[in-house]
C-alpha atoms as a PDB file:
ATOM      1  CA  MET A   1       0.000   0.000   0.000  1.00  0.00           C
ATOM      2  CA  ILE A   2       2.797   2.410   0.970  1.00  0.00           C
ATOM      3  CA  ALA A   3       4.586   1.531  -2.274  1.00  0.00           C
ATOM      4  CA  GLY A   4       1.510   2.550  -4.283  1.00  0.00           C
ATOM      5  CA  ILE A   5       1.184   5.787  -2.348  1.00  0.00           C
ATOM      6  CA  GLY A   6       4.923   6.343  -2.772  1.00  0.00           C
ATOM      7  CA  ASN A   7       4.541   6.368  -6.560  1.00  0.00           C
ATOM      8  CA  ILE A   8       1.977   9.148  -6.240  1.00  0.00           C
ATOM      9  CA  LEU A   9       4.027  11.100  -3.710  1.00  0.00           C
ATOM     10  CA  SER A  10       7.375  10.688  -5.462  1.00  0.00           C
ATOM     11  CA  PRO A  11       7.559  14.420  -6.409  1.00  0.00           C
ATOM     12  CA  LEU A  12       7.045  15.378  -2.756  1.00  0.00           C
ATOM     13  CA  GLU A  13       9.580  12.757  -1.682  1.00  0.00           C
ATOM     14  CA  ASN A  14      12.168  14.226  -4.051  1.00  0.00           C
ATOM     15  CA  LEU A  15      11.416  17.732  -2.773  1.00  0.00           C
ATOM     16  CA  LEU A  16      11.898  16.715   0.865  1.00  0.00           C
ATOM     17  CA  ARG A  17      15.130  14.924  -0.023  1.00  0.00           C
ATOM     18  CA  HIS A  18      16.481  18.059  -1.718  1.00  0.00           C
ATOM     19  CA  VAL A  19      15.480  20.218   1.266  1.00  0.00           C
ATOM     20  CA  LEU A  20      17.220  17.848   3.689  1.00  0.00           C
ATOM     21  CA  VAL A  21      20.361  17.862   1.556  1.00  0.00           C
ATOM     22  CA  TRP A  22      20.274  21.675   1.364  1.00  0.00           C
ATOM     23  CA  LEU A  23      19.888  22.010   5.144  1.00  0.00           C
ATOM     24  CA  HIS A  24      22.783  19.602   5.675  1.00  0.00           C
ATOM     25  CA  GLU A  25      25.156  20.937   3.014  1.00  0.00           C
ATOM     26  CA  SER A  26      24.358  24.669   2.935  1.00  0.00           C
ATOM     27  CA  ALA A  27      23.150  25.277   6.513  1.00  0.00           C
ATOM     28  CA  HIS A  28      25.737  22.784   7.866  1.00  0.00           C
ATOM     29  CA  LEU A  29      23.218  21.024  10.095  1.00  0.00           C
ATOM     30  CA  PRO A  30      23.548  17.366  11.111  1.00  0.00           C
ATOM     31  CA  TRP A  31      21.045  15.069   9.470  1.00  0.00           C
ATOM     32  CA  ALA A  32      18.909  14.738  12.618  1.00  0.00           C
ATOM     33  CA  TRP A  33      18.701  18.510  13.124  1.00  0.00           C
ATOM     34  CA  SER A  34      17.972  18.898   9.430  1.00  0.00           C
ATOM     35  CA  ILE A  35      14.838  16.820  10.062  1.00  0.00           C
ATOM     36  CA  VAL A  36      13.908  19.145  12.942  1.00  0.00           C
ATOM     37  CA  ALA A  37      14.449  22.208  10.732  1.00  0.00           C
ATOM     38  CA  LEU A  38      12.428  20.600   7.943  1.00  0.00           C
ATOM     39  CA  THR A  39       9.586  19.941  10.373  1.00  0.00           C
ATOM     40  CA  VAL A  40       9.545  23.577  11.478  1.00  0.00           C
ATOM     41  CA  MET A  41       9.458  24.720   7.849  1.00  0.00           C
ATOM     42  CA  VAL A  42       6.503  22.432   7.115  1.00  0.00           C
ATOM     43  CA  ARG A  43       4.667  23.651  10.209  1.00  0.00           C
ATOM     44  CA  ILE A  44       5.193  27.285   9.218  1.00  0.00           C
ATOM     45  CA  LEU A  45       3.572  26.552   5.867  1.00  0.00           C
ATOM     46  CA  LEU A  46       0.612  25.001   7.702  1.00  0.00           C
ATOM     47  CA  VAL A  47       0.032  28.015   9.993  1.00  0.00           C
ATOM     48  CA  PRO A  48      -2.971  29.344   7.971  1.00  0.00           C
ATOM     49  CA  LEU A  49      -4.654  25.941   8.200  1.00  0.00           C
ATOM     50  CA  MET A  50      -3.940  25.818  11.921  1.00  0.00           C
ATOM     51  CA  VAL A  51      -5.545  29.242  12.430  1.00  0.00           C
ATOM     52  CA  ARG A  52      -8.638  28.026  10.600  1.00  0.00           C
ATOM     53  CA  GLN A  53      -8.629  24.958  12.819  1.00  0.00           C
ATOM     54  CA  ILE A  54      -8.546  27.107  15.968  1.00  0.00           C
ATOM     55  CA  HIS A  55     -11.398  29.278  14.654  1.00  0.00           C
ATOM     56  CA  SER A  56     -13.451  26.179  13.854  1.00  0.00           C
ATOM     57  CA  MET A  57     -12.828  24.636  17.271  1.00  0.00           C
ATOM     58  CA  GLN A  58     -13.771  27.879  19.022  1.00  0.00           C
ATOM     59  CA  GLY A  59     -16.969  28.102  16.989  1.00  0.00           C
ATOM     60  CA  LEU A  60     -17.879  24.533  17.859  1.00  0.00           C
ATOM     61  CA  GLN A  61     -17.186  25.211  21.528  1.00  0.00           C
ATOM     62  CA  VAL A  62     -19.350  28.359  21.611  1.00  0.00           C
ATOM     63  CA  HIS A  63     -22.309  26.685  19.895  1.00  0.00           C
ATOM     64  CA  ALA A  64     -21.918  23.330  21.651  1.00  0.00           C
ATOM     65  CA  PRO A  65     -25.102  23.730  23.819  1.00  0.00           C
ATOM     66  CA  GLU A  66     -27.223  24.552  20.762  1.00  0.00           C
ATOM     67  CA  MET A  67     -25.849  21.605  18.781  1.00  0.00           C
ATOM     68  CA  LYS A  68     -26.448  19.316  21.748  1.00  0.00           C
ATOM     69  CA  ALA A  69     -30.055  20.517  21.911  1.00  0.00           C
ATOM     70  CA  ILE A  70     -30.518  19.678  18.219  1.00  0.00           C
ATOM     71  CA  GLN A  71     -29.053  16.223  18.769  1.00  0.00           C
ATOM     72  CA  GLN A  72     -31.376  15.592  21.706  1.00  0.00           C
ATOM     73  CA  LYS A  73     -34.423  16.860  19.805  1.00  0.00           C
ATOM     74  CA  TRP A  74     -33.820  14.578  16.810  1.00  0.00           C
ATOM     75  CA  LYS A  75     -32.065  11.705  18.534  1.00  0.00           C
ATOM     76  CA  HIS A  76     -34.595   9.210  17.132  1.00  0.00           C
ATOM     77  CA  ASP A  77     -34.254  10.509  13.570  1.00  0.00           C
ATOM     78  CA  LYS A  78     -30.577  10.506  12.544  1.00  0.00           C
ATOM     79  CA  GLN A  79     -31.266  11.758   9.039  1.00  0.00           C
ATOM     80  CA  ARG A  80     -33.241  14.749  10.276  1.00  0.00           C
ATOM     81  CA  GLN A  81     -30.596  15.329  12.947  1.00  0.00           C
ATOM     82  CA  ASN A  82     -27.842  15.532  10.330  1.00  0.00           C
ATOM     83  CA  GLU A  83     -29.966  17.850   8.180  1.00  0.00           C
ATOM     84  CA  GLU A  84     -30.622  20.194  11.099  1.00  0.00           C
ATOM     85  CA  LEU A  85     -26.950  20.186  12.108  1.00  0.00           C
ATOM     86  CA  MET A  86     -25.822  20.983   8.566  1.00  0.00           C
ATOM     87  CA  LYS A  87     -28.370  23.789   8.441  1.00  0.00           C
ATOM     88  CA  PHE A  88     -27.080  25.071  11.777  1.00  0.00           C
ATOM     89  CA  TYR A  89     -23.458  24.950  10.527  1.00  0.00           C
ATOM     90  CA  LYS A  90     -24.413  26.940   7.439  1.00  0.00           C
ATOM     91  CA  GLU A  91     -26.339  29.593   9.361  1.00  0.00           C
ATOM     92  CA  ASN A  92     -23.502  30.097  11.852  1.00  0.00           C
ATOM     93  CA  LYS A  93     -20.680  29.753   9.287  1.00  0.00           C
ATOM     94  CA  ILE A  94     -19.100  26.737  10.996  1.00  0.00           C
ATOM     95  CA  ASN A  95     -16.916  24.290   9.091  1.00  0.00           C
ATOM     96  CA  PRO A  96     -16.351  21.129  11.176  1.00  0.00           C
ATOM     97  CA  ALA A  97     -13.960  19.733   8.568  1.00  0.00           C
ATOM     98  CA  ALA A  98     -11.561  22.640   9.169  1.00  0.00           C
ATOM     99  CA  SER A  99     -10.355  20.994  12.381  1.00  0.00           C
ATOM    100  CA  CYS A 100      -8.986  18.074  10.322  1.00  0.00           C
ATOM    101  CA  LEU A 101      -7.186  20.111   7.660  1.00  0.00           C
ATOM    102  CA  PRO A 102      -3.737  20.229   9.351  1.00  0.00           C
ATOM    103  CA  ILE A 103      -3.809  16.472   9.970  1.00  0.00           C
ATOM    104  CA  VAL A 104      -4.813  15.727   6.372  1.00  0.00           C
ATOM    105  CA  ALA A 105      -2.159  18.099   5.022  1.00  0.00           C
ATOM    106  CA  GLN A 106       0.560  16.480   7.148  1.00  0.00           C
ATOM    107  CA  PHE A 107      -0.185  12.942   6.019  1.00  0.00           C
ATOM    108  CA  PRO A 108       1.514  13.206   2.572  1.00  0.00           C
ATOM    109  CA  VAL A 109       4.557  14.855   4.202  1.00  0.00           C
ATOM    110  CA  PHE A 110       4.748  12.078   6.783  1.00  0.00           C
ATOM    111  CA  ILE A 111       4.635   9.298   4.170  1.00  0.00           C
ATOM    112  CA  SER A 112       7.129  11.080   1.912  1.00  0.00           C
ATOM    113  CA  LEU A 113       9.587  11.600   4.756  1.00  0.00           C
ATOM    114  CA  TYR A 114       9.166   7.956   5.730  1.00  0.00           C
ATOM    115  CA  LEU A 115      10.181   6.954   2.206  1.00  0.00           C
ATOM    116  CA  VAL A 116      13.146   9.354   2.265  1.00  0.00           C
ATOM    117  CA  LEU A 117      14.482   7.858   5.500  1.00  0.00           C
ATOM    118  CA  LYS A 118      13.737   4.329   4.343  1.00  0.00           C
ATOM    119  CA  HIS A 119      16.034   4.768   1.334  1.00  0.00           C
ATOM    120  CA  PHE A 120      18.504   6.961   3.207  1.00  0.00           C
ATOM    121  CA  THR A 121      21.268   4.359   3.397  1.00  0.00           C
ATOM    122  CA  ASN A 122      20.453   2.428   0.216  1.00  0.00           C
ATOM    123  CA  LYS A 123      22.781   2.406  -2.735  1.00  0.00           C
ATOM    124  CA  GLY A 124      22.235   5.663  -4.551  1.00  0.00           C
ATOM    125  CA  GLY A 125      20.566   7.128  -1.443  1.00  0.00           C
ATOM    126  CA  VAL A 126      21.437  10.325   0.350  1.00  0.00           C
ATOM    127  CA  LEU A 127      24.289   8.890   2.444  1.00  0.00           C
ATOM    128  CA  ASP A 128      25.773   7.214  -0.616  1.00  0.00           C
ATOM    129  CA  THR A 129      26.339  10.677  -2.101  1.00  0.00           C
ATOM    130  CA  TYR A 130      26.548  12.942   0.942  1.00  0.00           C
ATOM    131  CA  HIS A 131      28.323  12.028   4.149  1.00  0.00           C
ATOM    132  CA  GLY A 132      27.606  13.041   7.707  1.00  0.00           C
ATOM    133  CA  SER A 133      26.669  11.719  11.117  1.00  0.00           C
ATOM    134  CA  THR A 134      23.221  10.197  11.461  1.00  0.00           C
ATOM    135  CA  ASP A 135      23.247  10.230  15.275  1.00  0.00           C
ATOM    136  CA  TRP A 136      20.964  12.456  17.305  1.00  0.00           C
ATOM    137  CA  LEU A 137      22.255  13.595  20.718  1.00  0.00           C
ATOM    138  CA  HIS A 138      24.440  10.455  20.660  1.00  0.00           C
ATOM    139  CA  LEU A 139      21.315   8.450  21.569  1.00  0.00           C
ATOM    140  CA  VAL A 140      19.656   7.223  18.386  1.00  0.00           C
ATOM    141  CA  ASN A 141      20.510   6.737  14.741  1.00  0.00           C
ATOM    142  CA  ILE A 142      17.884   8.292  12.473  1.00  0.00           C
ATOM    143  CA  THR A 143      18.154   5.416   9.992  1.00  0.00           C
ATOM    144  CA  GLN A 144      17.654   2.631  12.566  1.00  0.00           C
ATOM    145  CA  HIS A 145      14.359   1.357  13.907  1.00  0.00           C
ATOM    146  CA  VAL A 146      12.906   2.802  17.074  1.00  0.00           C
ATOM    147  CA  ASN A 147      13.394  -0.483  18.967  1.00  0.00           C
ATOM    148  CA  VAL A 148      17.206  -0.210  18.673  1.00  0.00           C
ATOM    149  CA  GLY A 149      19.380   1.334  21.388  1.00  0.00           C
ATOM    150  CA  TRP A 150      17.801   4.362  23.064  1.00  0.00           C
ATOM    151  CA  GLY A 151      14.977   4.325  20.542  1.00  0.00           C
ATOM    152  CA  PRO A 152      12.349   3.121  23.061  1.00  0.00           C
ATOM    153  CA  LEU A 153      13.096   6.201  25.196  1.00  0.00           C
ATOM    154  CA  LEU A 154      12.453   8.374  22.169  1.00  0.00           C
ATOM    155  CA  LEU A 155       9.209   6.471  21.611  1.00  0.00           C
ATOM    156  CA  VAL A 156       8.106   7.109  25.207  1.00  0.00           C
ATOM    157  CA  ILE A 157       8.811  10.833  24.798  1.00  0.00           C
ATOM    158  CA  TYR A 158       6.880  10.804  21.537  1.00  0.00           C
ATOM    159  CA  VAL A 159       3.842   9.121  23.123  1.00  0.00           C
ATOM    160  CA  ALA A 160       3.881  11.650  25.993  1.00  0.00           C
ATOM    161  CA  SER A 161       4.029  14.560  23.536  1.00  0.00           C
ATOM    162  CA  GLN A 162       1.268  13.008  21.415  1.00  0.00           C
ATOM    163  CA  LEU A 163      -0.973  12.604  24.461  1.00  0.00           C
ATOM    164  CA  SER A 164      -0.453  16.214  25.528  1.00  0.00           C
ATOM    165  CA  SER A 165      -1.037  17.440  21.975  1.00  0.00           C
ATOM    166  CA  SER A 166      -4.182  15.309  21.579  1.00  0.00           C
ATOM    167  CA  TRP A 167      -5.559  16.437  24.930  1.00  0.00           C
ATOM    168  CA  PHE A 168      -4.951  20.073  24.058  1.00  0.00           C
ATOM    169  CA  MET A 169      -6.396  19.915  20.544  1.00  0.00           C
ATOM    170  CA  SER A 170      -9.481  17.819  21.430  1.00  0.00           C
ATOM    171  CA  THR A 171     -11.004  20.173  24.001  1.00  0.00           C
ATOM    172  CA  THR A 172     -14.196  20.600  21.932  1.00  0.00           C
ATOM    173  CA  MET A 173     -14.759  16.884  21.397  1.00  0.00           C
ATOM    174  CA  GLN A 174     -17.218  14.830  23.370  1.00  0.00           C
ATOM    175  CA  GLY A 175     -16.035  12.454  26.067  1.00  0.00           C
ATOM    176  CA  ALA A 176     -15.879   9.256  23.985  1.00  0.00           C
ATOM    177  CA  GLN A 177     -14.199  10.958  21.023  1.00  0.00           C
ATOM    178  CA  ARG A 178     -11.674  12.671  23.252  1.00  0.00           C
ATOM    179  CA  TRP A 179     -10.696   9.457  25.003  1.00  0.00           C
ATOM    180  CA  LEU A 180     -10.366   7.759  21.625  1.00  0.00           C
ATOM    181  CA  MET A 181      -7.874  10.429  20.608  1.00  0.00           C
ATOM    182  CA  MET A 182      -5.968   9.716  23.825  1.00  0.00           C
ATOM    183  CA  ILE A 183      -5.911   5.940  23.276  1.00  0.00           C
ATOM    184  CA  LEU A 184      -4.770   5.958  19.633  1.00  0.00           C
ATOM    185  CA  PRO A 185      -1.141   7.048  20.309  1.00  0.00           C
ATOM    186  CA  VAL A 186      -0.700   4.140  22.746  1.00  0.00           C
ATOM    187  CA  ALA A 187      -2.447   1.670  20.421  1.00  0.00           C
ATOM    188  CA  PHE A 188      -0.075   2.565  17.557  1.00  0.00           C
ATOM    189  CA  VAL A 189       3.087   1.839  19.568  1.00  0.00           C
ATOM    190  CA  PRO A 190       3.529  -1.764  18.253  1.00  0.00           C
ATOM    191  CA  PHE A 191       3.399  -0.479  14.673  1.00  0.00           C
ATOM    192  CA  LEU A 192       5.856   2.356  15.355  1.00  0.00           C
ATOM    193  CA  LEU A 193       8.591   0.000  16.561  1.00  0.00           C
ATOM    194  CA  ARG A 194       9.591  -0.723  12.956  1.00  0.00           C
ATOM    195  CA  PHE A 195       9.690   2.946  11.964  1.00  0.00           C
ATOM    196  CA  PRO A 196      12.999   4.830  11.547  1.00  0.00           C
ATOM    197  CA  SER A 197      14.018   6.929  14.540  1.00  0.00           C
ATOM    198  CA  GLY A 198      14.248   9.959  12.261  1.00  0.00           C
ATOM    199  CA  LEU A 199      10.504   9.717  11.694  1.00  0.00           C
ATOM    200  CA  MET A 200       9.947   9.809  15.452  1.00  0.00           C
ATOM    201  CA  ILE A 201      12.055  12.962  15.610  1.00  0.00           C
ATOM    202  CA  TYR A 202       9.790  14.503  12.962  1.00  0.00           C
ATOM    203  CA  TRP A 203       6.662  13.456  14.839  1.00  0.00           C
ATOM    204  CA  LEU A 204       8.014  14.604  18.209  1.00  0.00           C
ATOM    205  CA  THR A 205       8.903  18.023  16.802  1.00  0.00           C
ATOM    206  CA  THR A 206       5.452  18.253  15.222  1.00  0.00           C
ATOM    207  CA  ASN A 207       3.707  17.550  18.535  1.00  0.00           C
ATOM    208  CA  LEU A 208       5.781  20.095  20.428  1.00  0.00           C
ATOM    209  CA  TRP A 209       5.133  22.677  17.727  1.00  0.00           C
ATOM    210  CA  THR A 210       1.397  21.918  17.754  1.00  0.00           C
ATOM    211  CA  THR A 211       1.141  22.348  21.518  1.00  0.00           C
ATOM    212  CA  GLY A 212       3.132  25.587  21.567  1.00  0.00           C
ATOM    213  CA  GLN A 213       1.355  27.042  18.569  1.00  0.00           C
ATOM    214  CA  GLY A 214      -2.024  26.154  20.026  1.00  0.00           C
ATOM    215  CA  VAL A 215      -1.267  27.997  23.278  1.00  0.00           C
ATOM    216  CA  ILE A 216      -0.051  31.114  21.452  1.00  0.00           C
ATOM    217  CA  THR A 217      -2.824  31.122  18.847  1.00  0.00           C
ATOM    218  CA  ARG A 218      -5.590  30.760  21.415  1.00  0.00           C
ATOM    219  CA  ARG A 219      -4.289  33.821  23.227  1.00  0.00           C
ATOM    220  CA  LEU A 220      -3.851  35.954  20.114  1.00  0.00           C
ATOM    221  CA  VAL A 221      -6.966  34.962  18.159  1.00  0.00           C
ATOM    222  CA  PRO A 222     -10.077  36.670  19.625  1.00  0.00           C
ATOM    223  CA  LYS A 223     -12.775  34.306  20.738  1.00  0.00           C
ATOM    224  CA  PRO A 224     -16.124  34.607  18.932  1.00  0.00           C
ATOM    225  CA  VAL A 225     -18.914  36.293  20.845  1.00  0.00           C
ATOM    226  CA  PRO A 226     -21.386  33.694  22.155  1.00  0.00           C
ATOM    227  CA  PRO A 227     -25.011  34.055  21.024  1.00  0.00           C
ATOM    228  CA  PRO A 228     -27.379  35.782  23.482  1.00  0.00           C
ATOM    229  CA  LYS A 229     -29.053  33.450  25.897  1.00  0.00           C
ATOM    230  CA  ARG A 230     -32.820  33.190  25.655  1.00  0.00           C
ATOM    231  CA  SER A 231     -35.007  33.076  28.726  1.00  0.00           C
ATOM    232  CA  SER A 232     -38.672  32.433  29.363  1.00  0.00           C
ATOM    233  CA  ARG A 233     -39.300  36.211  29.230  1.00  0.00           C
ATOM    234  CA  THR A 234     -37.474  36.720  25.935  1.00  0.00           C
ATOM    235  CA  PRO A 235     -40.155  37.455  23.293  1.00  0.00           C
ATOM    236  CA  PRO A 236     -40.120  35.349  20.137  1.00  0.00           C
ATOM    237  CA  THR A 237     -38.587  36.832  17.015  1.00  0.00           C
ATOM    238  CA  GLY A 238     -40.888  39.398  15.406  1.00  0.00           C
ATOM    239  CA  GLU A 239     -42.880  40.201  18.567  1.00  0.00           C
ATOM    240  CA  ALA A 240     -42.401  43.386  20.531  1.00  0.00           C
ATOM    241  CA  PRO A 241     -42.022  43.017  24.283  1.00  0.00           C
ATOM    242  CA  THR A 242     -44.996  43.934  26.406  1.00  0.00           C
ATOM    243  CA  GLN A 243     -44.394  47.308  28.071  1.00  0.00           C
ATOM    244  CA  GLY A 244     -45.551  48.013  31.557  1.00  0.00           C
ATOM    245  CA  PRO A 245     -46.746  51.324  33.008  1.00  0.00           C
ATOM    246  CA  PRO A 246     -44.229  54.201  33.014  1.00  0.00           C
ATOM    247  CA  ASP A 247     -44.057  54.272  36.819  1.00  0.00           C
ATOM    248  CA  GLY A 248     -42.568  50.781  36.884  1.00  0.00           C
ATOM    249  CA  GLY A 249     -45.578  49.212  38.573  1.00  0.00           C
ATOM    250  CA  ALA A 250     -47.339  46.024  37.637  1.00  0.00           C
ATOM    251  CA  PRO A 251     -48.926  46.047  34.190  1.00  0.00           C
ATOM    252  CA  ALA A 252     -52.637  46.716  34.191  1.00  0.00           C
ATOM    253  CA  LYS A 253     -54.817  43.764  33.423  1.00  0.00           C
ATOM    254  CA  PRO A 254     -57.046  44.234  30.388  1.00  0.00           C
ATOM    255  CA  LYS A 255     -60.691  44.542  31.210  1.00  0.00           C
ATOM    256  CA  SER A 256     -62.992  42.075  29.602  1.00  0.00           C
ATOM    257  CA  GLN A 257     -65.226  43.685  27.095  1.00  0.00           C
ATOM    258  CA  GLY A 258     -68.529  42.724  25.695  1.00  0.00           C
ATOM    259  CA  ASN A 259     -71.687  44.200  24.220  1.00  0.00           C
ATOM    260  CA  GLY A 260     -69.953  45.601  21.193  1.00  0.00           C
ATOM    261  CA  GLY A 261     -66.801  46.757  22.915  1.00  0.00           C
ATOM    262  CA  LYS A 262     -68.463  48.431  25.923  1.00  0.00           C
ATOM    263  CA  PRO A 263     -67.078  47.671  29.376  1.00  0.00           C
ATOM    264  CA  VAL A 264     -69.101  45.103  31.245  1.00  0.00           C
ATOM    265  CA  ALA A 265     -70.288  46.338  34.613  1.00  0.00           C
ATOM    266  CA  GLY A 266     -69.315  44.167  37.510  1.00  0.00           C
ATOM    267  CA  PRO A 267     -71.290  43.419  40.660  1.00  0.00           C
ATOM    268  CA  PRO A 268     -72.019  46.458  42.942  1.00  0.00           C
ATOM    269  CA  ARG A 269     -69.393  47.151  45.550  1.00  0.00           C
ATOM    270  CA  ARG A 270     -70.508  46.942  49.134  1.00  0.00           C
ATOM    271  CA  VAL A 271     -69.286  49.656  51.449  1.00  0.00           C
ATOM    272  CA  LYS A 272     -69.312  49.138  55.166  1.00  0.00           C
ATOM    273  CA  ARG A 273     -70.539  52.112  57.177  1.00  0.00           C
ATOM    274  CA  LYS A 274     -69.211  52.985  60.563  1.00  0.00           C
ATOM    275  CA  ARG A 275     -71.757  53.044  63.324  1.00  0.00           C
ATOM    276  CA  SER A 276     -72.258  56.469  64.826  1.00  0.00           C
ATOM    277  CA  GLY A 277     -71.710  56.944  68.516  1.00  0.00           C
ATOM    278  CA  SER A 278     -69.968  54.711  70.984  1.00  0.00           C
ATOM    279  CA  ARG A 279     -71.123  52.216  73.496  1.00  0.00           C
ATOM    280  CA  ARG A 280     -71.189  53.202  77.138  1.00  0.00           C
END
């Protein structure tokens, strides 16, 4: 499957290879730090998508009670529920798919970099033409699998960063979805053991960047104003509120009318008279 995707992403793979070589040869960075620099460059290009993601998540968070009310109202009719939610998204200019854009955009880069590192030491690969150390902090070799040497420590650090990043970026998700995002990094550990350590460096840098950028962006981007809360006294749309008397007292009750609009006379009022004189 990866081989088929690699044929499609071969132009991107060649581009990333050239950027890594340029960072190593021109900027004189070790290969591991070239991967870190490449990650930062990719993340800078994805900043506009990340800003849209933050806006989308804030919009979902502000309108969460209203969306929950729609889900409860049409919980027995899923089709109508989806129609009402889509109508609500359109009226409030919310794009739920915007929260997935950075992840979708990173996937081709991740696969392409995986292919670059996979062929790093092959004949005709990068190290066959350009020389340099492939160690990172004298702990791991970017071309070796994560389960070699200090690679498991790097994997533990990656999982911790992924958990913190997932927890931070899934604040608007419901409980089950949020816990699923927290479980996935741990569930993928057996598959990551056969990945090159350089790919873990890329992923670790991405998670740290995501967490830091999220904190800064949430402080700089103004939060959308929440919609006004309706109460039992709030008049429906199109109706003017009932005004009371100017003195602030209780509103006068309308008198019942009859006989062609004439006031209907009520029963005679009885007045008690005081007895004259006093008892001796």
